[in-house]
Amino acid sequence: MSELMELYQEVILDHGRRPRNFGPLEGATHHARGYNPLCGDNFTMHIALDGDTISDVRFEGEGCAISTASASLLTERLKGAHVDVVEPLFTAVHELVTGGEPSEDVELDKLEIFVGVGNFPMRVKCATLPWHTLRAALKGDEEATTE
């Protein structure tokens, strides 16, 4: 395994064991529950919007290291962001984890650690469930299920 892939694995395990922004969010304006019945990953995303800015975002639930790390890194990346960045960022992450080439116009930062997920197609849903759930919450849907 390359040193870079080992580093990526360490970051995923760290966020999986000690997720950032985990827990309820007092004053959340949007919520959605995401569930993957194939593996049991189950998350609730809580978002507080201030106009069109994601002033805070947190999550609760349980899942594998990849889904938990994805939720943790998602919250770090989107806290303080304008809602307009969600769709391009989701698309770039989805391209990354499915083996495609993400747009160079989107800055992935730490989210690049999910590049190896494409080698394990069954794990793509794990990495994208928090994103689907966040998008559902922003649209006013309270449920997001990946199958």
N, C-alpha and C. Protein backbone atom coordinates (compact mmCIF):
# COMPACT_ATOMS: atom_id res chain seq x y z
N MET A 1 0.85 -1.18 0.00
CA MET A 1 0.00 0.00 0.00
C MET A 1 0.90 1.24 0.00
N SER A 2 0.56 2.22 -0.81
CA SER A 2 1.36 3.44 -0.87
C SER A 2 1.23 4.24 0.42
N GLU A 3 2.22 5.08 0.68
CA GLU A 3 2.18 5.91 1.88
C GLU A 3 0.96 6.82 1.88
N LEU A 4 0.60 7.34 0.70
CA LEU A 4 -0.56 8.22 0.61
C LEU A 4 -1.84 7.47 0.97
N MET A 5 -1.99 6.25 0.46
CA MET A 5 -3.20 5.47 0.77
C MET A 5 -3.22 5.10 2.24
N GLU A 6 -2.07 4.84 2.84
CA GLU A 6 -2.02 4.56 4.28
C GLU A 6 -2.46 5.78 5.08
N LEU A 7 -2.02 6.96 4.64
CA LEU A 7 -2.44 8.19 5.32
C LEU A 7 -3.94 8.38 5.19
N TYR A 8 -4.49 8.16 3.99
CA TYR A 8 -5.93 8.27 3.79
C TYR A 8 -6.68 7.31 4.71
N GLN A 9 -6.19 6.09 4.81
CA GLN A 9 -6.82 5.10 5.67
C GLN A 9 -6.78 5.55 7.13
N GLU A 10 -5.67 6.11 7.56
CA GLU A 10 -5.55 6.60 8.93
C GLU A 10 -6.55 7.72 9.21
N VAL A 11 -6.73 8.63 8.26
CA VAL A 11 -7.68 9.74 8.44
C VAL A 11 -9.10 9.20 8.52
N ILE A 12 -9.44 8.24 7.66
CA ILE A 12 -10.78 7.65 7.71
C ILE A 12 -11.00 6.97 9.06
N LEU A 13 -10.03 6.22 9.52
CA LEU A 13 -10.18 5.53 10.80
C LEU A 13 -10.29 6.54 11.95
N ASP A 14 -9.51 7.61 11.89
CA ASP A 14 -9.58 8.64 12.95
C ASP A 14 -10.96 9.27 12.99
N HIS A 15 -11.49 9.67 11.85
CA HIS A 15 -12.82 10.30 11.81
C HIS A 15 -13.91 9.27 12.14
N GLY A 16 -13.66 8.00 11.80
CA GLY A 16 -14.62 6.95 12.14
C GLY A 16 -14.69 6.70 13.63
N ARG A 17 -13.55 6.77 14.30
CA ARG A 17 -13.49 6.53 15.75
C ARG A 17 -13.86 7.77 16.56
N ARG A 18 -13.45 8.93 16.08
CA ARG A 18 -13.67 10.20 16.79
C ARG A 18 -14.30 11.22 15.82
N PRO A 19 -15.55 10.98 15.48
CA PRO A 19 -16.18 11.88 14.51
C PRO A 19 -16.31 13.30 15.05
N ARG A 20 -16.11 14.25 14.16
CA ARG A 20 -16.29 15.66 14.49
C ARG A 20 -17.75 16.02 14.24
N ASN A 21 -18.23 16.98 15.01
CA ASN A 21 -19.60 17.50 14.84
C ASN A 21 -20.65 16.41 15.01
N PHE A 22 -20.41 15.52 15.96
CA PHE A 22 -21.33 14.43 16.24
C PHE A 22 -22.23 14.81 17.41
N GLY A 23 -23.52 14.62 17.24
CA GLY A 23 -24.47 14.89 18.31
C GLY A 23 -25.59 15.77 17.83
N PRO A 24 -26.56 16.01 18.70
CA PRO A 24 -27.71 16.83 18.32
C PRO A 24 -27.30 18.28 18.08
N LEU A 25 -28.16 19.00 17.39
CA LEU A 25 -27.90 20.40 17.09
C LEU A 25 -29.10 21.23 17.56
N GLU A 26 -28.89 21.94 18.63
CA GLU A 26 -29.91 22.84 19.16
C GLU A 26 -30.18 23.93 18.12
N GLY A 27 -31.44 24.17 17.82
CA GLY A 27 -31.79 25.23 16.87
C GLY A 27 -31.65 24.85 15.41
N ALA A 28 -31.56 23.56 15.12
CA ALA A 28 -31.47 23.14 13.72
C ALA A 28 -32.74 23.51 12.97
N THR A 29 -32.59 23.94 11.74
CA THR A 29 -33.73 24.31 10.91
C THR A 29 -34.14 23.20 9.95
N HIS A 30 -33.24 22.26 9.70
CA HIS A 30 -33.49 21.16 8.77
C HIS A 30 -32.94 19.87 9.37
N HIS A 31 -33.68 18.78 9.13
CA HIS A 31 -33.27 17.46 9.60
C HIS A 31 -33.62 16.44 8.52
N ALA A 32 -32.86 15.36 8.46
CA ALA A 32 -33.24 14.21 7.64
C ALA A 32 -32.53 12.98 8.20
N ARG A 33 -33.19 11.87 8.05
CA ARG A 33 -32.62 10.59 8.45
C ARG A 33 -32.24 9.82 7.20
N GLY A 34 -31.03 9.31 7.18
CA GLY A 34 -30.56 8.49 6.06
C GLY A 34 -30.31 7.08 6.54
N TYR A 35 -30.73 6.13 5.73
CA TYR A 35 -30.60 4.73 6.11
C TYR A 35 -30.20 3.91 4.90
N ASN A 36 -29.24 3.02 5.11
CA ASN A 36 -28.86 2.07 4.08
C ASN A 36 -29.23 0.68 4.58
N PRO A 37 -30.33 0.12 4.08
CA PRO A 37 -30.80 -1.17 4.59
C PRO A 37 -29.85 -2.33 4.28
N LEU A 38 -28.97 -2.17 3.31
CA LEU A 38 -28.06 -3.25 2.96
C LEU A 38 -26.97 -3.46 4.01
N CYS A 39 -26.55 -2.37 4.66
CA CYS A 39 -25.46 -2.53 5.63
C CYS A 39 -25.83 -2.01 7.02
N GLY A 40 -26.94 -1.30 7.14
CA GLY A 40 -27.39 -0.83 8.44
C GLY A 40 -26.92 0.56 8.83
N ASP A 41 -26.16 1.23 7.97
CA ASP A 41 -25.76 2.60 8.29
C ASP A 41 -27.02 3.44 8.48
N ASN A 42 -27.03 4.25 9.53
CA ASN A 42 -28.22 4.99 9.91
C ASN A 42 -27.80 6.32 10.52
N PHE A 43 -28.07 7.41 9.82
CA PHE A 43 -27.65 8.73 10.28
C PHE A 43 -28.80 9.72 10.22
N THR A 44 -28.75 10.69 11.12
CA THR A 44 -29.63 11.85 11.04
C THR A 44 -28.73 13.06 10.92
N MET A 45 -28.99 13.85 9.90
CA MET A 45 -28.24 15.09 9.69
C MET A 45 -29.09 16.24 10.23
N HIS A 46 -28.44 17.14 10.95
CA HIS A 46 -29.08 18.33 11.49
C HIS A 46 -28.36 19.54 10.91
N ILE A 47 -29.13 20.47 10.36
CA ILE A 47 -28.55 21.65 9.72
C ILE A 47 -29.20 22.90 10.28
N ALA A 48 -28.39 23.89 10.55
CA ALA A 48 -28.90 25.22 10.93
C ALA A 48 -28.52 26.17 9.81
N LEU A 49 -29.53 26.73 9.17
CA LEU A 49 -29.30 27.71 8.10
C LEU A 49 -29.48 29.11 8.65
N ASP A 50 -28.61 29.99 8.22
CA ASP A 50 -28.74 31.42 8.47
C ASP A 50 -28.81 32.05 7.10
N GLY A 51 -30.03 32.28 6.62
CA GLY A 51 -30.20 32.70 5.23
C GLY A 51 -29.82 31.54 4.33
N ASP A 52 -28.84 31.74 3.46
CA ASP A 52 -28.36 30.69 2.57
C ASP A 52 -27.01 30.14 3.00
N THR A 53 -26.66 30.37 4.25
CA THR A 53 -25.39 29.87 4.79
C THR A 53 -25.65 28.75 5.79
N ILE A 54 -24.88 27.69 5.68
CA ILE A 54 -24.96 26.59 6.64
C ILE A 54 -24.16 27.03 7.86
N SER A 55 -24.86 27.59 8.83
CA SER A 55 -24.16 28.12 10.01
C SER A 55 -23.65 27.00 10.90
N ASP A 56 -24.35 25.87 10.90
CA ASP A 56 -23.89 24.72 11.66
C ASP A 56 -24.48 23.46 11.06
N VAL A 57 -23.77 22.37 11.20
CA VAL A 57 -24.24 21.07 10.73
C VAL A 57 -23.63 20.00 11.62
N ARG A 58 -24.49 19.09 12.06
CA ARG A 58 -24.06 18.00 12.94
C ARG A 58 -24.80 16.73 12.52
N PHE A 59 -24.35 15.61 13.04
CA PHE A 59 -25.01 14.36 12.72
C PHE A 59 -25.04 13.45 13.93
N GLU A 60 -26.00 12.53 13.90
CA GLU A 60 -26.14 11.49 14.92
C GLU A 60 -26.36 10.17 14.21
N GLY A 61 -26.09 9.09 14.90
CA GLY A 61 -26.35 7.77 14.34
C GLY A 61 -25.15 6.88 14.42
N GLU A 62 -25.22 5.83 13.61
CA GLU A 62 -24.12 4.88 13.60
C GLU A 62 -23.96 4.26 12.23
N GLY A 63 -22.74 3.88 11.98
CA GLY A 63 -22.43 3.25 10.71
C GLY A 63 -20.99 2.77 10.71
N CYS A 64 -20.56 2.29 9.58
CA CYS A 64 -19.20 1.81 9.45
C CYS A 64 -18.23 2.99 9.47
N ALA A 65 -16.94 2.68 9.49
CA ALA A 65 -15.92 3.73 9.55
C ALA A 65 -16.01 4.67 8.35
N ILE A 66 -16.30 4.15 7.17
CA ILE A 66 -16.35 5.00 5.98
C ILE A 66 -17.54 5.96 6.04
N SER A 67 -18.71 5.47 6.40
CA SER A 67 -19.87 6.36 6.45
C SER A 67 -19.74 7.38 7.58
N THR A 68 -19.21 6.96 8.71
CA THR A 68 -19.02 7.89 9.83
C THR A 68 -17.99 8.95 9.47
N ALA A 69 -16.88 8.52 8.87
CA ALA A 69 -15.85 9.47 8.45
C ALA A 69 -16.39 10.42 7.39
N SER A 70 -17.21 9.92 6.48
CA SER A 70 -17.80 10.76 5.45
C SER A 70 -18.69 11.83 6.07
N ALA A 71 -19.52 11.43 7.04
CA ALA A 71 -20.38 12.40 7.72
C ALA A 71 -19.55 13.42 8.49
N SER A 72 -18.52 12.97 9.14
CA SER A 72 -17.65 13.86 9.92
C SER A 72 -16.96 14.88 9.03
N LEU A 73 -16.38 14.40 7.93
CA LEU A 73 -15.67 15.30 7.01
C LEU A 73 -16.63 16.22 6.27
N LEU A 74 -17.83 15.72 5.95
CA LEU A 74 -18.86 16.54 5.33
C LEU A 74 -19.19 17.73 6.23
N THR A 75 -19.38 17.46 7.52
CA THR A 75 -19.75 18.55 8.43
C THR A 75 -18.62 19.57 8.56
N GLU A 76 -17.39 19.08 8.59
CA GLU A 76 -16.27 20.01 8.66
C GLU A 76 -16.20 20.90 7.42
N ARG A 77 -16.42 20.28 6.27
CA ARG A 77 -16.30 21.01 5.00
C ARG A 77 -17.43 22.01 4.78
N LEU A 78 -18.64 21.68 5.25
CA LEU A 78 -19.79 22.52 4.92
C LEU A 78 -20.17 23.55 5.98
N LYS A 79 -19.63 23.43 7.17
CA LYS A 79 -19.95 24.40 8.21
C LYS A 79 -19.46 25.77 7.77
N GLY A 80 -20.39 26.72 7.68
CA GLY A 80 -20.06 28.07 7.25
C GLY A 80 -20.13 28.28 5.74
N ALA A 81 -20.45 27.23 5.00
CA ALA A 81 -20.50 27.32 3.53
C ALA A 81 -21.88 27.80 3.06
N HIS A 82 -21.91 28.37 1.88
CA HIS A 82 -23.17 28.76 1.23
C HIS A 82 -23.82 27.49 0.68
N VAL A 83 -25.14 27.42 0.72
CA VAL A 83 -25.84 26.22 0.26
C VAL A 83 -25.56 25.91 -1.21
N ASP A 84 -25.16 26.90 -1.98
CA ASP A 84 -24.87 26.67 -3.40
C ASP A 84 -23.68 25.76 -3.63
N VAL A 85 -22.83 25.54 -2.63
CA VAL A 85 -21.68 24.66 -2.83
C VAL A 85 -22.04 23.19 -2.64
N VAL A 86 -23.20 22.90 -2.05
CA VAL A 86 -23.55 21.52 -1.73
C VAL A 86 -23.63 20.65 -2.98
N GLU A 87 -24.39 21.06 -3.98
CA GLU A 87 -24.57 20.22 -5.17
C GLU A 87 -23.27 19.98 -5.94
N PRO A 88 -22.48 21.03 -6.24
CA PRO A 88 -21.22 20.76 -6.94
C PRO A 88 -20.27 19.89 -6.12
N LEU A 89 -20.27 20.08 -4.81
CA LEU A 89 -19.41 19.27 -3.95
C LEU A 89 -19.90 17.82 -3.91
N PHE A 90 -21.22 17.63 -3.80
CA PHE A 90 -21.77 16.28 -3.84
C PHE A 90 -21.38 15.59 -5.15
N THR A 91 -21.55 16.28 -6.26
CA THR A 91 -21.21 15.71 -7.56
C THR A 91 -19.73 15.32 -7.62
N ALA A 92 -18.87 16.19 -7.13
CA ALA A 92 -17.43 15.91 -7.14
C ALA A 92 -17.09 14.70 -6.26
N VAL A 93 -17.69 14.63 -5.09
CA VAL A 93 -17.45 13.49 -4.19
C VAL A 93 -17.97 12.21 -4.83
N HIS A 94 -19.15 12.28 -5.41
CA HIS A 94 -19.73 11.10 -6.06
C HIS A 94 -18.84 10.64 -7.21
N GLU A 95 -18.36 11.56 -8.01
CA GLU A 95 -17.43 11.20 -9.09
C GLU A 95 -16.17 10.55 -8.52
N LEU A 96 -15.65 11.10 -7.46
CA LEU A 96 -14.43 10.59 -6.84
C LEU A 96 -14.61 9.15 -6.37
N VAL A 97 -15.71 8.87 -5.66
CA VAL A 97 -15.88 7.54 -5.08
C VAL A 97 -16.36 6.51 -6.08
N THR A 98 -16.81 6.94 -7.25
CA THR A 98 -17.21 5.99 -8.28
C THR A 98 -16.15 5.82 -9.35
N GLY A 99 -14.97 6.37 -9.10
CA GLY A 99 -13.86 6.18 -10.02
C GLY A 99 -13.78 7.19 -11.14
N GLY A 100 -14.61 8.19 -11.11
CA GLY A 100 -14.59 9.23 -12.15
C GLY A 100 -13.61 10.33 -11.80
N GLU A 101 -13.61 11.35 -12.61
CA GLU A 101 -12.75 12.52 -12.39
C GLU A 101 -13.60 13.67 -11.90
N PRO A 102 -13.42 14.08 -10.66
CA PRO A 102 -14.18 15.23 -10.16
C PRO A 102 -13.78 16.51 -10.89
N SER A 103 -14.70 17.43 -10.97
CA SER A 103 -14.43 18.71 -11.59
C SER A 103 -13.27 19.41 -10.90
N GLU A 104 -12.40 19.99 -11.69
CA GLU A 104 -11.29 20.74 -11.11
C GLU A 104 -11.75 22.06 -10.52
N ASP A 105 -13.00 22.45 -10.80
CA ASP A 105 -13.54 23.70 -10.26
C ASP A 105 -13.96 23.57 -8.80
N VAL A 106 -14.02 22.34 -8.31
CA VAL A 106 -14.47 22.09 -6.94
C VAL A 106 -13.27 21.68 -6.09
N GLU A 107 -13.08 22.39 -5.01
CA GLU A 107 -11.98 22.10 -4.09
C GLU A 107 -12.43 21.04 -3.09
N LEU A 108 -11.88 19.83 -3.19
CA LEU A 108 -12.28 18.74 -2.31
C LEU A 108 -11.58 18.77 -0.96
N ASP A 109 -10.38 19.30 -0.91
CA ASP A 109 -9.61 19.34 0.32
C ASP A 109 -9.50 17.93 0.92
N LYS A 110 -9.83 17.79 2.20
CA LYS A 110 -9.71 16.50 2.89
C LYS A 110 -10.59 15.41 2.30
N LEU A 111 -11.63 15.78 1.59
CA LEU A 111 -12.55 14.78 1.03
C LEU A 111 -11.87 13.89 0.00
N GLU A 112 -10.70 14.28 -0.46
CA GLU A 112 -9.95 13.46 -1.41
C GLU A 112 -9.56 12.11 -0.83
N ILE A 113 -9.62 11.97 0.48
CA ILE A 113 -9.25 10.69 1.09
C ILE A 113 -10.16 9.55 0.66
N PHE A 114 -11.32 9.87 0.11
CA PHE A 114 -12.26 8.83 -0.31
C PHE A 114 -11.99 8.30 -1.71
N VAL A 115 -10.87 8.68 -2.30
CA VAL A 115 -10.53 8.25 -3.66
C VAL A 115 -10.47 6.73 -3.76
N GLY A 116 -10.03 6.04 -2.74
CA GLY A 116 -9.90 4.58 -2.78
C GLY A 116 -11.21 3.83 -2.68
N VAL A 117 -12.28 4.51 -2.31
CA VAL A 117 -13.58 3.86 -2.16
C VAL A 117 -14.03 3.25 -3.49
N GLY A 118 -13.66 3.87 -4.59
CA GLY A 118 -14.03 3.36 -5.91
C GLY A 118 -13.54 1.96 -6.18
N ASN A 119 -12.52 1.54 -5.46
CA ASN A 119 -12.00 0.17 -5.61
C ASN A 119 -12.89 -0.86 -4.93
N PHE A 120 -13.84 -0.40 -4.14
CA PHE A 120 -14.74 -1.27 -3.40
C PHE A 120 -16.18 -0.80 -3.63
N PRO A 121 -16.78 -1.20 -4.75
CA PRO A 121 -18.11 -0.68 -5.13
C PRO A 121 -19.18 -0.80 -4.04
N MET A 122 -19.11 -1.80 -3.21
CA MET A 122 -20.10 -1.95 -2.14
C MET A 122 -19.98 -0.85 -1.09
N ARG A 123 -18.85 -0.14 -1.06
CA ARG A 123 -18.63 0.90 -0.06
C ARG A 123 -19.03 2.29 -0.54
N VAL A 124 -19.36 2.41 -1.82
CA VAL A 124 -19.76 3.71 -2.37
C VAL A 124 -20.97 4.26 -1.63
N LYS A 125 -21.95 3.41 -1.37
CA LYS A 125 -23.15 3.86 -0.65
C LYS A 125 -22.80 4.31 0.76
N CYS A 126 -21.80 3.68 1.37
CA CYS A 126 -21.37 4.08 2.71
C CYS A 126 -20.84 5.51 2.68
N ALA A 127 -20.02 5.80 1.68
CA ALA A 127 -19.41 7.13 1.59
C ALA A 127 -20.41 8.21 1.19
N THR A 128 -21.44 7.84 0.44
CA THR A 128 -22.37 8.86 -0.06
C THR A 128 -23.64 9.02 0.77
N LEU A 129 -23.95 8.08 1.66
CA LEU A 129 -25.17 8.20 2.46
C LEU A 129 -25.28 9.53 3.21
N PRO A 130 -24.24 9.98 3.90
CA PRO A 130 -24.37 11.28 4.58
C PRO A 130 -24.67 12.43 3.62
N TRP A 131 -24.12 12.36 2.42
CA TRP A 131 -24.37 13.40 1.41
C TRP A 131 -25.81 13.38 0.93
N HIS A 132 -26.32 12.18 0.65
CA HIS A 132 -27.72 12.06 0.24
C HIS A 132 -28.65 12.57 1.34
N THR A 133 -28.28 12.27 2.58
CA THR A 133 -29.11 12.68 3.71
C THR A 133 -29.09 14.20 3.88
N LEU A 134 -27.92 14.79 3.75
CA LEU A 134 -27.81 16.25 3.83
C LEU A 134 -28.63 16.91 2.73
N ARG A 135 -28.54 16.40 1.51
CA ARG A 135 -29.29 16.97 0.40
C ARG A 135 -30.79 16.85 0.65
N ALA A 136 -31.23 15.70 1.20
CA ALA A 136 -32.65 15.51 1.52
C ALA A 136 -33.10 16.54 2.55
N ALA A 137 -32.28 16.76 3.57
CA ALA A 137 -32.63 17.73 4.61
C ALA A 137 -32.79 19.12 4.01
N LEU A 138 -31.88 19.51 3.15
CA LEU A 138 -31.95 20.84 2.54
C LEU A 138 -33.17 21.00 1.64
N LYS A 139 -33.64 19.89 1.05
CA LYS A 139 -34.82 19.93 0.20
C LYS A 139 -36.12 19.84 1.00
N GLY A 140 -36.00 19.60 2.31
CA GLY A 140 -37.18 19.49 3.15
C GLY A 140 -37.71 18.08 3.27
N ASP A 141 -37.00 17.10 2.70
CA ASP A 141 -37.38 15.69 2.86
C ASP A 141 -36.81 15.22 4.19
N GLU A 142 -37.54 14.42 4.90
CA GLU A 142 -37.06 13.95 6.19
C GLU A 142 -36.45 12.56 6.13
N GLU A 143 -36.49 11.92 4.97
CA GLU A 143 -35.94 10.58 4.81
C GLU A 143 -35.09 10.51 3.55
N ALA A 144 -33.99 9.82 3.66
CA ALA A 144 -33.14 9.51 2.50
C ALA A 144 -32.69 8.07 2.67
N THR A 145 -33.00 7.24 1.69
CA THR A 145 -32.62 5.83 1.76
C THR A 145 -31.81 5.50 0.53
N THR A 146 -30.71 4.81 0.73
CA THR A 146 -29.95 4.32 -0.41
C THR A 146 -30.09 2.82 -0.46
N GLU A 147 -30.35 2.31 -1.63
CA GLU A 147 -30.49 0.85 -1.79
C GLU A 147 -29.70 0.39 -2.97
